[in-house]
Amino acid sequence: MKTTETMDIRGFLTMELHDREGAEIRRITAKNSIVLSGHSLIANMFVGIKTDPVSHIAVGTGTDAVDPSDIKLKNEIFRKAINPVDATVDLTITDDNRRKVTVKTELKSAEGNGELTEAALFSVNPADPNPALMNNGVMYNRVVFPKVTKTTDFTLTLIWEIIF
């Protein structure tokens, strides 16, 4: 019988670049890092501090390695709300009896164009009059990945799997 527990939260970002016809052109998977502000989001929930849920994905062009104290992307260029999370579909149990939450969004052809190299999940206060403003909310995690050139010729689906 296991007598100790660890909170080994981890996540992976999968990015799928599709052409105008919907054909997958490129797929990248990158391991993400949960930053200290992300740990605080979880800790706040346990002590009853009002915590806004993760609600947005941001992308940027920064290339600096992840620092645990990061609170924003190095060079955010676009932020978009994640698709609604359906607990009956997006919350699953892994083979080793852990919980996995899947969140995703799709950047349409005119959204988030540039040479993308970083992404993060953010909580955004729903009372904010303009939650799409960059640098709002609390950053949960950050990932740096090989350059993805996003143009109007492509859509980019970002799929985050977070395992608790």
N, C-alpha and C. Protein backbone atom coordinates (compact mmCIF):
# COMPACT_ATOMS: atom_id res chain seq x y z
N MET A 1 0.84 -1.18 0.00
CA MET A 1 0.00 0.00 0.00
C MET A 1 0.88 1.24 0.00
N LYS A 2 0.53 2.18 -0.83
CA LYS A 2 1.28 3.44 -0.91
C LYS A 2 0.94 4.29 0.30
N THR A 3 1.99 4.79 1.00
CA THR A 3 1.72 5.56 2.20
C THR A 3 2.06 7.05 2.05
N THR A 4 2.60 7.44 0.92
CA THR A 4 2.88 8.85 0.71
C THR A 4 2.23 9.31 -0.59
N GLU A 5 1.97 10.58 -0.68
CA GLU A 5 1.36 11.16 -1.87
C GLU A 5 2.23 12.31 -2.36
N THR A 6 2.20 12.53 -3.63
CA THR A 6 2.83 13.72 -4.20
C THR A 6 1.84 14.37 -5.13
N MET A 7 1.94 15.66 -5.27
CA MET A 7 1.08 16.39 -6.19
C MET A 7 1.90 16.63 -7.45
N ASP A 8 2.00 15.60 -8.25
CA ASP A 8 2.79 15.66 -9.48
C ASP A 8 1.89 16.10 -10.63
N ILE A 9 1.57 17.39 -10.64
CA ILE A 9 0.73 17.92 -11.70
C ILE A 9 1.62 18.15 -12.92
N ARG A 10 1.15 17.70 -14.06
CA ARG A 10 1.94 17.92 -15.28
C ARG A 10 0.99 18.19 -16.44
N GLY A 11 1.54 18.75 -17.47
CA GLY A 11 0.71 19.05 -18.62
C GLY A 11 1.49 18.99 -19.91
N PHE A 12 0.74 18.84 -20.98
CA PHE A 12 1.32 18.76 -22.31
C PHE A 12 0.47 19.61 -23.25
N LEU A 13 1.12 20.32 -24.11
CA LEU A 13 0.43 21.10 -25.13
C LEU A 13 0.65 20.43 -26.47
N THR A 14 -0.43 20.17 -27.18
CA THR A 14 -0.35 19.68 -28.55
C THR A 14 -0.89 20.77 -29.45
N MET A 15 -0.14 21.10 -30.48
CA MET A 15 -0.55 22.11 -31.44
C MET A 15 -0.71 21.44 -32.80
N GLU A 16 -1.86 21.67 -33.41
CA GLU A 16 -2.15 21.10 -34.72
C GLU A 16 -2.35 22.25 -35.70
N LEU A 17 -1.48 22.33 -36.69
CA LEU A 17 -1.57 23.36 -37.73
C LEU A 17 -2.29 22.74 -38.92
N HIS A 18 -3.41 23.37 -39.35
CA HIS A 18 -4.23 22.85 -40.45
C HIS A 18 -4.30 23.87 -41.59
N ASP A 19 -4.30 23.35 -42.82
CA ASP A 19 -4.45 24.25 -43.97
C ASP A 19 -5.92 24.62 -44.14
N ARG A 20 -6.22 25.41 -45.16
CA ARG A 20 -7.59 25.91 -45.37
C ARG A 20 -8.61 24.80 -45.62
N GLU A 21 -8.15 23.66 -46.11
CA GLU A 21 -9.04 22.52 -46.35
C GLU A 21 -9.19 21.64 -45.11
N GLY A 22 -8.47 21.96 -44.06
CA GLY A 22 -8.56 21.19 -42.82
C GLY A 22 -7.54 20.09 -42.68
N ALA A 23 -6.66 19.93 -43.66
CA ALA A 23 -5.63 18.89 -43.57
C ALA A 23 -4.57 19.29 -42.56
N GLU A 24 -4.17 18.34 -41.73
CA GLU A 24 -3.12 18.63 -40.75
C GLU A 24 -1.77 18.73 -41.46
N ILE A 25 -1.11 19.85 -41.24
CA ILE A 25 0.19 20.13 -41.86
C ILE A 25 1.33 19.79 -40.89
N ARG A 26 1.11 20.08 -39.61
CA ARG A 26 2.17 19.89 -38.63
C ARG A 26 1.53 19.67 -37.27
N ARG A 27 2.18 18.84 -36.47
CA ARG A 27 1.75 18.59 -35.09
C ARG A 27 2.98 18.67 -34.19
N ILE A 28 2.86 19.44 -33.14
CA ILE A 28 3.94 19.59 -32.17
C ILE A 28 3.38 19.29 -30.79
N THR A 29 4.10 18.54 -30.00
CA THR A 29 3.74 18.32 -28.60
C THR A 29 4.89 18.81 -27.74
N ALA A 30 4.55 19.58 -26.70
CA ALA A 30 5.58 20.13 -25.82
C ALA A 30 5.12 20.00 -24.37
N LYS A 31 6.06 19.68 -23.51
CA LYS A 31 5.78 19.59 -22.08
C LYS A 31 5.74 21.01 -21.52
N ASN A 32 4.75 21.28 -20.70
CA ASN A 32 4.64 22.61 -20.13
C ASN A 32 5.16 22.63 -18.71
N SER A 33 5.37 23.83 -18.20
CA SER A 33 5.81 24.02 -16.82
C SER A 33 4.75 24.82 -16.06
N ILE A 34 4.33 24.29 -14.93
CA ILE A 34 3.39 25.02 -14.09
C ILE A 34 4.22 25.99 -13.26
N VAL A 35 3.90 27.27 -13.40
CA VAL A 35 4.68 28.31 -12.72
C VAL A 35 4.14 28.53 -11.31
N LEU A 36 4.87 29.30 -10.52
CA LEU A 36 4.49 29.51 -9.13
C LEU A 36 3.09 30.13 -8.99
N SER A 37 2.75 31.05 -9.88
CA SER A 37 1.41 31.63 -9.80
C SER A 37 0.33 30.57 -10.07
N GLY A 38 0.65 29.56 -10.88
CA GLY A 38 -0.27 28.45 -11.11
C GLY A 38 -0.44 27.60 -9.87
N HIS A 39 0.66 27.37 -9.16
CA HIS A 39 0.58 26.64 -7.89
C HIS A 39 -0.29 27.41 -6.90
N SER A 40 -0.16 28.74 -6.92
CA SER A 40 -0.96 29.57 -6.01
C SER A 40 -2.45 29.47 -6.34
N LEU A 41 -2.79 29.40 -7.64
CA LEU A 41 -4.20 29.23 -8.01
C LEU A 41 -4.79 28.00 -7.34
N ILE A 42 -4.06 26.91 -7.38
CA ILE A 42 -4.54 25.66 -6.80
C ILE A 42 -4.60 25.76 -5.28
N ALA A 43 -3.55 26.32 -4.69
CA ALA A 43 -3.51 26.46 -3.22
C ALA A 43 -4.64 27.35 -2.73
N ASN A 44 -4.94 28.42 -3.44
CA ASN A 44 -6.02 29.33 -3.05
C ASN A 44 -7.36 28.62 -2.97
N MET A 45 -7.57 27.70 -3.88
CA MET A 45 -8.82 26.95 -3.89
C MET A 45 -9.00 26.17 -2.58
N PHE A 46 -7.91 25.62 -2.05
CA PHE A 46 -7.99 24.83 -0.84
C PHE A 46 -8.28 25.66 0.40
N VAL A 47 -7.91 26.93 0.39
CA VAL A 47 -8.12 27.76 1.58
C VAL A 47 -9.28 28.73 1.41
N GLY A 48 -10.07 28.54 0.36
CA GLY A 48 -11.28 29.32 0.19
C GLY A 48 -11.09 30.72 -0.38
N ILE A 49 -9.92 31.00 -0.94
CA ILE A 49 -9.72 32.30 -1.58
C ILE A 49 -10.35 32.24 -2.96
N LYS A 50 -11.17 33.24 -3.26
CA LYS A 50 -11.85 33.28 -4.57
C LYS A 50 -10.82 33.15 -5.68
N THR A 51 -11.03 32.17 -6.53
CA THR A 51 -10.09 31.88 -7.60
C THR A 51 -10.85 31.80 -8.91
N ASP A 52 -10.47 32.65 -9.87
CA ASP A 52 -11.09 32.57 -11.18
C ASP A 52 -10.54 31.36 -11.92
N PRO A 53 -11.38 30.63 -12.62
CA PRO A 53 -10.89 29.44 -13.33
C PRO A 53 -10.02 29.80 -14.52
N VAL A 54 -9.21 28.84 -14.94
CA VAL A 54 -8.45 29.01 -16.17
C VAL A 54 -9.47 29.19 -17.30
N SER A 55 -9.28 30.22 -18.11
CA SER A 55 -10.30 30.53 -19.11
C SER A 55 -9.74 30.95 -20.46
N HIS A 56 -8.43 31.23 -20.55
CA HIS A 56 -7.86 31.75 -21.79
C HIS A 56 -6.52 31.09 -22.12
N ILE A 57 -6.25 30.97 -23.40
CA ILE A 57 -4.94 30.56 -23.90
C ILE A 57 -4.32 31.78 -24.54
N ALA A 58 -3.06 32.00 -24.24
CA ALA A 58 -2.32 33.10 -24.85
C ALA A 58 -1.13 32.51 -25.62
N VAL A 59 -0.78 33.16 -26.72
CA VAL A 59 0.39 32.76 -27.50
C VAL A 59 1.29 33.97 -27.68
N GLY A 60 2.57 33.68 -27.91
CA GLY A 60 3.52 34.76 -28.08
C GLY A 60 4.75 34.33 -28.83
N THR A 61 5.70 35.26 -28.88
CA THR A 61 6.91 35.04 -29.66
C THR A 61 8.16 35.02 -28.80
N GLY A 62 8.03 34.94 -27.49
CA GLY A 62 9.19 34.88 -26.61
C GLY A 62 9.89 33.55 -26.70
N THR A 63 11.20 33.57 -26.50
CA THR A 63 11.98 32.34 -26.59
C THR A 63 12.76 32.04 -25.31
N ASP A 64 12.68 32.93 -24.31
CA ASP A 64 13.38 32.68 -23.06
C ASP A 64 12.84 31.41 -22.42
N ALA A 65 13.72 30.68 -21.77
CA ALA A 65 13.30 29.47 -21.06
C ALA A 65 12.29 29.86 -19.97
N VAL A 66 11.46 28.90 -19.60
CA VAL A 66 10.48 29.14 -18.54
C VAL A 66 11.21 29.34 -17.23
N ASP A 67 10.80 30.38 -16.52
CA ASP A 67 11.28 30.66 -15.16
C ASP A 67 10.09 30.42 -14.24
N PRO A 68 10.24 29.68 -13.15
CA PRO A 68 9.10 29.42 -12.28
C PRO A 68 8.37 30.68 -11.80
N SER A 69 9.08 31.81 -11.78
CA SER A 69 8.45 33.05 -11.32
C SER A 69 7.79 33.84 -12.45
N ASP A 70 7.77 33.31 -13.67
CA ASP A 70 7.09 34.00 -14.78
C ASP A 70 5.62 34.24 -14.40
N ILE A 71 5.12 35.44 -14.73
CA ILE A 71 3.71 35.74 -14.49
C ILE A 71 3.01 36.18 -15.78
N LYS A 72 3.76 36.27 -16.86
CA LYS A 72 3.19 36.58 -18.16
C LYS A 72 4.11 36.01 -19.23
N LEU A 73 3.60 35.93 -20.45
CA LEU A 73 4.45 35.50 -21.55
C LEU A 73 5.51 36.56 -21.79
N LYS A 74 6.61 36.18 -22.38
CA LYS A 74 7.68 37.14 -22.66
C LYS A 74 7.26 38.15 -23.71
N ASN A 75 6.47 37.70 -24.71
CA ASN A 75 6.00 38.62 -25.74
C ASN A 75 4.65 38.14 -26.28
N GLU A 76 3.61 38.34 -25.48
CA GLU A 76 2.27 37.90 -25.86
C GLU A 76 1.76 38.70 -27.05
N ILE A 77 1.20 37.97 -28.05
CA ILE A 77 0.64 38.67 -29.21
C ILE A 77 -0.86 38.42 -29.39
N PHE A 78 -1.39 37.37 -28.72
CA PHE A 78 -2.81 37.07 -28.90
C PHE A 78 -3.31 36.23 -27.73
N ARG A 79 -4.56 36.49 -27.34
CA ARG A 79 -5.20 35.71 -26.28
C ARG A 79 -6.63 35.40 -26.70
N LYS A 80 -7.07 34.20 -26.39
CA LYS A 80 -8.41 33.78 -26.77
C LYS A 80 -8.98 32.87 -25.69
N ALA A 81 -10.30 32.96 -25.49
CA ALA A 81 -10.97 32.09 -24.53
C ALA A 81 -10.86 30.64 -24.97
N ILE A 82 -10.72 29.76 -23.99
CA ILE A 82 -10.72 28.33 -24.29
C ILE A 82 -12.15 27.92 -24.63
N ASN A 83 -12.29 26.81 -25.32
CA ASN A 83 -13.62 26.26 -25.57
C ASN A 83 -14.25 25.90 -24.23
N PRO A 84 -15.57 25.93 -24.12
CA PRO A 84 -16.20 25.52 -22.86
C PRO A 84 -15.73 24.11 -22.47
N VAL A 85 -15.45 23.93 -21.20
CA VAL A 85 -14.99 22.64 -20.70
C VAL A 85 -16.20 21.87 -20.20
N ASP A 86 -16.40 20.68 -20.76
CA ASP A 86 -17.51 19.81 -20.40
C ASP A 86 -16.94 18.69 -19.53
N ALA A 87 -17.30 18.69 -18.26
CA ALA A 87 -16.74 17.70 -17.33
C ALA A 87 -17.03 16.27 -17.75
N THR A 88 -18.11 16.04 -18.49
CA THR A 88 -18.43 14.67 -18.91
C THR A 88 -17.55 14.21 -20.06
N VAL A 89 -16.88 15.13 -20.73
CA VAL A 89 -16.02 14.79 -21.86
C VAL A 89 -14.56 15.15 -21.59
N ASP A 90 -14.34 16.31 -21.01
CA ASP A 90 -12.98 16.86 -20.88
C ASP A 90 -12.30 16.52 -19.56
N LEU A 91 -12.98 15.87 -18.66
CA LEU A 91 -12.40 15.40 -17.41
C LEU A 91 -12.45 13.89 -17.44
N THR A 92 -11.27 13.26 -17.51
CA THR A 92 -11.21 11.81 -17.62
C THR A 92 -10.27 11.24 -16.57
N ILE A 93 -10.27 9.93 -16.46
CA ILE A 93 -9.39 9.22 -15.52
C ILE A 93 -8.36 8.46 -16.35
N THR A 94 -7.10 8.63 -15.98
CA THR A 94 -6.01 7.98 -16.71
C THR A 94 -5.89 6.52 -16.26
N ASP A 95 -5.05 5.78 -16.97
CA ASP A 95 -4.84 4.37 -16.63
C ASP A 95 -4.28 4.18 -15.23
N ASP A 96 -3.53 5.17 -14.74
CA ASP A 96 -2.97 5.06 -13.39
C ASP A 96 -3.84 5.80 -12.35
N ASN A 97 -5.13 5.99 -12.68
CA ASN A 97 -6.14 6.53 -11.78
C ASN A 97 -5.91 8.00 -11.40
N ARG A 98 -5.30 8.75 -12.29
CA ARG A 98 -5.14 10.18 -12.10
C ARG A 98 -6.24 10.89 -12.88
N ARG A 99 -6.41 12.17 -12.65
CA ARG A 99 -7.43 12.95 -13.35
C ARG A 99 -6.77 13.77 -14.44
N LYS A 100 -7.39 13.78 -15.61
CA LYS A 100 -6.87 14.55 -16.74
C LYS A 100 -7.95 15.50 -17.23
N VAL A 101 -7.58 16.79 -17.31
CA VAL A 101 -8.47 17.81 -17.86
C VAL A 101 -7.91 18.22 -19.21
N THR A 102 -8.77 18.28 -20.22
CA THR A 102 -8.36 18.71 -21.55
C THR A 102 -9.05 20.03 -21.87
N VAL A 103 -8.24 21.02 -22.23
CA VAL A 103 -8.78 22.31 -22.66
C VAL A 103 -8.22 22.63 -24.03
N LYS A 104 -9.03 23.31 -24.84
CA LYS A 104 -8.53 23.64 -26.17
C LYS A 104 -9.21 24.87 -26.72
N THR A 105 -8.58 25.40 -27.74
CA THR A 105 -9.14 26.47 -28.54
C THR A 105 -8.51 26.41 -29.91
N GLU A 106 -9.17 27.06 -30.85
CA GLU A 106 -8.63 27.10 -32.21
C GLU A 106 -8.41 28.55 -32.61
N LEU A 107 -7.22 28.83 -33.09
CA LEU A 107 -6.93 30.14 -33.63
C LEU A 107 -7.29 30.10 -35.11
N LYS A 108 -8.29 30.89 -35.46
CA LYS A 108 -8.75 30.96 -36.85
C LYS A 108 -7.68 31.61 -37.71
N SER A 109 -7.92 31.67 -39.01
CA SER A 109 -6.89 32.14 -39.94
C SER A 109 -6.38 33.54 -39.63
N ALA A 110 -7.22 34.44 -39.13
CA ALA A 110 -6.80 35.82 -38.87
C ALA A 110 -6.33 36.03 -37.43
N GLU A 111 -6.29 34.98 -36.62
CA GLU A 111 -5.96 35.12 -35.20
C GLU A 111 -4.55 34.62 -34.88
N GLY A 112 -3.84 35.40 -34.09
CA GLY A 112 -2.56 34.97 -33.54
C GLY A 112 -1.47 34.72 -34.56
N ASN A 113 -1.48 35.48 -35.64
CA ASN A 113 -0.48 35.25 -36.68
C ASN A 113 0.89 35.79 -36.28
N GLY A 114 1.91 35.02 -36.63
CA GLY A 114 3.29 35.37 -36.32
C GLY A 114 4.11 34.11 -36.15
N GLU A 115 5.34 34.30 -35.72
CA GLU A 115 6.24 33.18 -35.48
C GLU A 115 6.13 32.79 -34.00
N LEU A 116 5.18 31.94 -33.70
CA LEU A 116 4.84 31.58 -32.33
C LEU A 116 5.87 30.64 -31.73
N THR A 117 6.24 30.92 -30.47
CA THR A 117 7.22 30.10 -29.78
C THR A 117 6.87 29.87 -28.31
N GLU A 118 5.76 30.44 -27.84
CA GLU A 118 5.40 30.28 -26.44
C GLU A 118 3.88 30.33 -26.31
N ALA A 119 3.39 29.69 -25.23
CA ALA A 119 1.95 29.70 -24.95
C ALA A 119 1.75 29.52 -23.45
N ALA A 120 0.57 29.90 -22.99
CA ALA A 120 0.24 29.76 -21.57
C ALA A 120 -1.26 29.74 -21.39
N LEU A 121 -1.67 29.22 -20.24
CA LEU A 121 -3.06 29.28 -19.82
C LEU A 121 -3.20 30.36 -18.74
N PHE A 122 -4.30 31.10 -18.79
CA PHE A 122 -4.54 32.17 -17.83
C PHE A 122 -5.93 32.06 -17.25
N SER A 123 -6.07 32.50 -16.00
CA SER A 123 -7.39 32.76 -15.45
C SER A 123 -7.63 34.25 -15.70
N VAL A 124 -8.85 34.58 -16.00
CA VAL A 124 -9.20 35.97 -16.23
C VAL A 124 -10.45 36.27 -15.44
N ASN A 125 -10.44 37.36 -14.73
CA ASN A 125 -11.59 37.76 -13.95
C ASN A 125 -12.76 38.03 -14.88
N PRO A 126 -13.86 37.26 -14.76
CA PRO A 126 -14.98 37.47 -15.68
C PRO A 126 -15.64 38.83 -15.51
N ALA A 127 -15.39 39.54 -14.40
CA ALA A 127 -15.94 40.87 -14.21
C ALA A 127 -15.13 41.93 -14.94
N ASP A 128 -13.98 41.56 -15.47
CA ASP A 128 -13.14 42.51 -16.20
C ASP A 128 -13.91 42.99 -17.43
N PRO A 129 -13.98 44.30 -17.66
CA PRO A 129 -14.75 44.78 -18.80
C PRO A 129 -14.18 44.34 -20.15
N ASN A 130 -12.93 43.98 -20.21
CA ASN A 130 -12.33 43.52 -21.46
C ASN A 130 -11.33 42.41 -21.16
N PRO A 131 -11.82 41.17 -20.92
CA PRO A 131 -10.92 40.09 -20.51
C PRO A 131 -9.96 39.65 -21.60
N ALA A 132 -10.14 40.13 -22.83
CA ALA A 132 -9.20 39.76 -23.89
C ALA A 132 -7.93 40.59 -23.83
N LEU A 133 -7.91 41.63 -22.99
CA LEU A 133 -6.70 42.43 -22.88
C LEU A 133 -5.54 41.57 -22.39
N MET A 134 -4.42 41.75 -23.02
CA MET A 134 -3.25 40.97 -22.65
C MET A 134 -2.77 41.33 -21.26
N ASN A 135 -2.15 40.37 -20.62
CA ASN A 135 -1.54 40.52 -19.30
C ASN A 135 -2.55 40.60 -18.17
N ASN A 136 -3.83 40.32 -18.44
CA ASN A 136 -4.82 40.21 -17.37
C ASN A 136 -4.80 38.79 -16.84
N GLY A 137 -5.27 38.63 -15.62
CA GLY A 137 -5.42 37.30 -15.05
C GLY A 137 -4.13 36.75 -14.49
N VAL A 138 -4.24 35.52 -14.03
CA VAL A 138 -3.11 34.83 -13.40
C VAL A 138 -2.64 33.74 -14.34
N MET A 139 -1.34 33.70 -14.61
CA MET A 139 -0.78 32.67 -15.48
C MET A 139 -0.66 31.36 -14.70
N TYR A 140 -1.21 30.30 -15.27
CA TYR A 140 -1.15 28.97 -14.66
C TYR A 140 0.14 28.25 -15.06
N ASN A 141 0.49 28.33 -16.33
CA ASN A 141 1.65 27.59 -16.83
C ASN A 141 2.25 28.33 -18.02
N ARG A 142 3.38 27.83 -18.48
CA ARG A 142 4.01 28.41 -19.67
C ARG A 142 4.79 27.30 -20.37
N VAL A 143 4.79 27.35 -21.69
CA VAL A 143 5.55 26.40 -22.48
C VAL A 143 6.24 27.15 -23.61
N VAL A 144 7.49 26.76 -23.86
CA VAL A 144 8.25 27.28 -25.00
C VAL A 144 8.43 26.11 -25.95
N PHE A 145 8.24 26.36 -27.25
CA PHE A 145 8.25 25.27 -28.22
C PHE A 145 8.95 25.72 -29.50
N PRO A 146 9.30 24.77 -30.38
CA PRO A 146 9.90 25.13 -31.67
C PRO A 146 8.96 26.04 -32.46
N LYS A 147 9.54 26.97 -33.19
CA LYS A 147 8.77 28.00 -33.90
C LYS A 147 7.69 27.39 -34.79
N VAL A 148 6.48 27.96 -34.66
CA VAL A 148 5.35 27.64 -35.52
C VAL A 148 4.97 28.93 -36.23
N THR A 149 5.12 28.95 -37.55
CA THR A 149 4.77 30.14 -38.31
C THR A 149 3.29 30.08 -38.64
N LYS A 150 2.52 30.91 -37.97
CA LYS A 150 1.06 30.95 -38.15
C LYS A 150 0.74 32.14 -39.06
N THR A 151 0.05 31.85 -40.17
CA THR A 151 -0.37 32.88 -41.12
C THR A 151 -1.86 32.74 -41.38
N THR A 152 -2.40 33.62 -42.21
CA THR A 152 -3.82 33.54 -42.56
C THR A 152 -4.15 32.30 -43.38
N ASP A 153 -3.14 31.58 -43.84
CA ASP A 153 -3.37 30.35 -44.61
C ASP A 153 -3.67 29.14 -43.72
N PHE A 154 -3.58 29.32 -42.39
CA PHE A 154 -3.68 28.19 -41.49
C PHE A 154 -4.58 28.49 -40.30
N THR A 155 -5.10 27.43 -39.69
CA THR A 155 -5.68 27.50 -38.36
C THR A 155 -4.75 26.72 -37.44
N LEU A 156 -4.80 27.05 -36.17
CA LEU A 156 -3.94 26.38 -35.20
C LEU A 156 -4.81 25.97 -34.02
N THR A 157 -4.89 24.67 -33.77
CA THR A 157 -5.63 24.17 -32.63
C THR A 157 -4.63 23.90 -31.52
N LEU A 158 -4.90 24.46 -30.33
CA LEU A 158 -4.06 24.24 -29.16
C LEU A 158 -4.84 23.38 -28.19
N ILE A 159 -4.26 22.24 -27.81
CA ILE A 159 -4.92 21.29 -26.93
C ILE A 159 -4.02 21.05 -25.73
N TRP A 160 -4.51 21.43 -24.57
CA TRP A 160 -3.74 21.24 -23.35
C TRP A 160 -4.33 20.09 -22.56
N GLU A 161 -3.47 19.15 -22.16
CA GLU A 161 -3.87 18.06 -21.29
C GLU A 161 -3.12 18.27 -19.97
N ILE A 162 -3.88 18.42 -18.90
CA ILE A 162 -3.29 18.63 -17.58
C ILE A 162 -3.67 17.45 -16.71
N ILE A 163 -2.67 16.82 -16.14
CA ILE A 163 -2.88 15.60 -15.35
C ILE A 163 -2.59 15.89 -13.90
N PHE A 164 -3.58 15.55 -13.04
CA PHE A 164 -3.47 15.76 -11.59
C PHE A 164 -3.32 14.43 -10.90
